[in-house]
C-alpha atoms as a PDB file:
ATOM      1  CA  MET A   1     -62.436 -44.537 -37.615  1.00  0.00           C
ATOM      2  CA  LYS A   2     -58.970 -45.174 -39.043  1.00  0.00           C
ATOM      3  CA  LYS A   3     -57.454 -42.603 -36.667  1.00  0.00           C
ATOM      4  CA  LEU A   4     -59.157 -44.248 -33.699  1.00  0.00           C
ATOM      5  CA  LEU A   5     -57.713 -47.613 -34.691  1.00  0.00           C
ATOM      6  CA  VAL A   6     -54.214 -46.110 -34.996  1.00  0.00           C
ATOM      7  CA  VAL A   7     -54.550 -44.475 -31.577  1.00  0.00           C
ATOM      8  CA  LEU A   8     -55.759 -47.710 -29.967  1.00  0.00           C
ATOM      9  CA  VAL A   9     -52.953 -49.752 -31.514  1.00  0.00           C
ATOM     10  CA  SER A  10     -50.375 -47.160 -30.440  1.00  0.00           C
ATOM     11  CA  LEU A  11     -51.768 -47.064 -26.920  1.00  0.00           C
ATOM     12  CA  SER A  12     -51.715 -50.843 -26.612  1.00  0.00           C
ATOM     13  CA  MET A  13     -48.086 -50.894 -27.787  1.00  0.00           C
ATOM     14  CA  VAL A  14     -47.101 -48.346 -25.118  1.00  0.00           C
ATOM     15  CA  VAL A  15     -48.901 -50.321 -22.422  1.00  0.00           C
ATOM     16  CA  GLY A  16     -47.174 -53.496 -23.609  1.00  0.00           C
ATOM     17  CA  ILE A  17     -43.745 -51.871 -23.566  1.00  0.00           C
ATOM     18  CA  LEU A  18     -44.306 -50.494 -20.063  1.00  0.00           C
ATOM     19  CA  GLY A  19     -45.409 -53.927 -18.904  1.00  0.00           C
ATOM     20  CA  ILE A  20     -42.298 -55.567 -20.324  1.00  0.00           C
ATOM     21  CA  ALA A  21     -40.061 -52.893 -18.817  1.00  0.00           C
ATOM     22  CA  GLY A  22     -41.735 -53.393 -15.465  1.00  0.00           C
ATOM     23  CA  CYS A  23     -42.360 -49.689 -14.937  1.00  0.00           C
ATOM     24  CA  GLY A  24     -44.031 -49.267 -11.598  1.00  0.00           C
ATOM     25  CA  THR A  25     -44.909 -52.933 -11.222  1.00  0.00           C
ATOM     26  CA  THR A  26     -42.025 -54.200  -9.117  1.00  0.00           C
ATOM     27  CA  THR A  27     -42.413 -54.760  -5.403  1.00  0.00           C
ATOM     28  CA  PRO A  28     -39.424 -53.812  -3.273  1.00  0.00           C
ATOM     29  CA  THR A  29     -37.545 -56.670  -1.646  1.00  0.00           C
ATOM     30  CA  VAL A  30     -37.308 -56.260   2.131  1.00  0.00           C
ATOM     31  CA  TYR A  31     -34.771 -58.024   4.321  1.00  0.00           C
ATOM     32  CA  THR A  32     -34.608 -57.778   8.107  1.00  0.00           C
ATOM     33  CA  ILE A  33     -32.047 -58.691  10.698  1.00  0.00           C
ATOM     34  CA  ASN A  34     -33.798 -62.079  10.779  1.00  0.00           C
ATOM     35  CA  ASP A  35     -32.365 -62.759   7.284  1.00  0.00           C
ATOM     36  CA  MET A  36     -28.769 -62.515   8.473  1.00  0.00           C
ATOM     37  CA  GLY A  37     -26.718 -65.562   7.591  1.00  0.00           C
ATOM     38  CA  SER A  38     -29.108 -66.524   4.798  1.00  0.00           C
ATOM     39  CA  GLY A  39     -26.764 -65.442   2.004  1.00  0.00           C
ATOM     40  CA  LYS A  40     -29.280 -62.817   0.840  1.00  0.00           C
ATOM     41  CA  LEU A  41     -27.340 -59.925   2.401  1.00  0.00           C
ATOM     42  CA  THR A  42     -23.792 -58.721   1.923  1.00  0.00           C
ATOM     43  CA  PRO A  43     -21.486 -58.598   4.966  1.00  0.00           C
ATOM     44  CA  THR A  44     -21.798 -54.784   4.949  1.00  0.00           C
ATOM     45  CA  GLN A  45     -25.598 -54.967   4.935  1.00  0.00           C
ATOM     46  CA  GLU A  46     -25.506 -57.422   7.825  1.00  0.00           C
ATOM     47  CA  ALA A  47     -23.179 -55.101   9.769  1.00  0.00           C
ATOM     48  CA  ASN A  48     -25.488 -52.146   9.097  1.00  0.00           C
ATOM     49  CA  LEU A  49     -28.550 -54.095  10.264  1.00  0.00           C
ATOM     50  CA  ARG A  50     -26.668 -55.143  13.395  1.00  0.00           C
ATOM     51  CA  THR A  51     -25.725 -51.497  14.091  1.00  0.00           C
ATOM     52  CA  ILE A  52     -29.353 -50.396  13.727  1.00  0.00           C
ATOM     53  CA  ASP A  53     -30.566 -53.275  15.887  1.00  0.00           C
ATOM     54  CA  ASN A  54     -28.076 -52.353  18.627  1.00  0.00           C
ATOM     55  CA  ALA A  55     -29.266 -48.740  18.441  1.00  0.00           C
ATOM     56  CA  ILE A  56     -32.890 -49.910  18.823  1.00  0.00           C
ATOM     57  CA  SER A  57     -31.931 -51.916  21.926  1.00  0.00           C
ATOM     58  CA  THR A  58     -30.039 -48.996  23.477  1.00  0.00           C
ATOM     59  CA  TYR A  59     -32.895 -46.598  22.704  1.00  0.00           C
ATOM     60  CA  ASN A  60     -35.327 -48.991  24.382  1.00  0.00           C
ATOM     61  CA  ALA A  61     -33.090 -49.468  27.423  1.00  0.00           C
ATOM     62  CA  GLU A  62     -32.766 -45.702  27.931  1.00  0.00           C
ATOM     63  CA  THR A  63     -36.329 -44.589  27.153  1.00  0.00           C
ATOM     64  CA  ASN A  64     -38.329 -47.711  28.019  1.00  0.00           C
ATOM     65  CA  LYS A  65     -40.064 -47.476  24.627  1.00  0.00           C
ATOM     66  CA  TYR A  66     -39.264 -48.345  21.045  1.00  0.00           C
ATOM     67  CA  PRO A  67     -38.490 -45.915  18.239  1.00  0.00           C
ATOM     68  CA  THR A  68     -41.166 -45.629  15.573  1.00  0.00           C
ATOM     69  CA  ASN A  69     -38.844 -44.188  12.939  1.00  0.00           C
ATOM     70  CA  ILE A  70     -35.184 -44.805  12.177  1.00  0.00           C
ATOM     71  CA  SER A  71     -34.494 -41.056  12.320  1.00  0.00           C
ATOM     72  CA  GLN A  72     -35.136 -41.183  16.092  1.00  0.00           C
ATOM     73  CA  LEU A  73     -31.879 -43.118  16.439  1.00  0.00           C
ATOM     74  CA  VAL A  74     -29.713 -40.345  14.946  1.00  0.00           C
ATOM     75  CA  PRO A  75     -27.453 -38.844  16.339  1.00  0.00           C
ATOM     76  CA  ASN A  76     -27.755 -40.198  19.901  1.00  0.00           C
ATOM     77  CA  TYR A  77     -27.684 -43.908  19.064  1.00  0.00           C
ATOM     78  CA  MET A  78     -26.073 -43.918  15.589  1.00  0.00           C
ATOM     79  CA  LYS A  79     -23.998 -41.271  13.805  1.00  0.00           C
ATOM     80  CA  GLN A  80     -26.155 -41.506  10.701  1.00  0.00           C
ATOM     81  CA  ILE A  81     -28.545 -43.806   8.910  1.00  0.00           C
ATOM     82  CA  PRO A  82     -26.339 -46.230   6.955  1.00  0.00           C
ATOM     83  CA  ILE A  83     -26.047 -45.807   3.211  1.00  0.00           C
ATOM     84  CA  ASP A  84     -26.616 -49.118   1.462  1.00  0.00           C
ATOM     85  CA  GLU A  85     -24.040 -50.286  -1.064  1.00  0.00           C
ATOM     86  CA  LYS A  86     -26.792 -51.573  -3.367  1.00  0.00           C
ATOM     87  CA  LYS A  87     -28.841 -48.363  -3.160  1.00  0.00           C
ATOM     88  CA  GLY A  88     -31.234 -49.851  -0.653  1.00  0.00           C
ATOM     89  CA  VAL A  89     -32.988 -47.899   2.077  1.00  0.00           C
ATOM     90  CA  TYR A  90     -32.688 -48.774   5.751  1.00  0.00           C
ATOM     91  CA  PHE A  91     -35.768 -48.426   7.942  1.00  0.00           C
ATOM     92  CA  LEU A  92     -37.555 -49.931  10.932  1.00  0.00           C
ATOM     93  CA  LYS A  93     -40.071 -52.698  10.313  1.00  0.00           C
ATOM     94  CA  THR A  94     -42.436 -53.928  13.003  1.00  0.00           C
ATOM     95  CA  VAL A  95     -42.218 -57.677  13.607  1.00  0.00           C
ATOM     96  CA  ASN A  96     -44.233 -59.232  16.440  1.00  0.00           C
ATOM     97  CA  GLY A  97     -44.954 -55.762  17.838  1.00  0.00           C
ATOM     98  CA  LYS A  98     -41.315 -54.654  17.996  1.00  0.00           C
ATOM     99  CA  PRO A  99     -39.215 -52.673  15.520  1.00  0.00           C
ATOM    100  CA  VAL A 100     -36.395 -54.499  13.759  1.00  0.00           C
ATOM    101  CA  ALA A 101     -33.733 -53.229  11.415  1.00  0.00           C
ATOM    102  CA  ALA A 102     -34.662 -53.680   7.754  1.00  0.00           C
ATOM    103  CA  VAL A 103     -33.406 -52.778   4.291  1.00  0.00           C
ATOM    104  CA  LYS A 104     -35.424 -52.616   1.095  1.00  0.00           C
ATOM    105  CA  PHE A 105     -34.334 -52.316  -2.505  1.00  0.00           C
END
């Protein structure tokens, strides 16, 4: 019985520590091209979103459809997927039925 109590107390301490540390409980923050000028994005992030958005428009103009994945834009419409300065990940998010440039971190 004493061992069970020690195990339960230890387990509750581990769960508490993980909760405080936020392990696995954080939701990524997502910003789209619609957030430009809001002060939430750095100038580089805004430029990257603009580049992706331009690539989406060119892709659509040439194929008469929208890309479903950002990798469809490389290398014909962008050299590479931008690397975010804050370790974010660029991707396409659907807004009102159309893809828009987005970054999450």
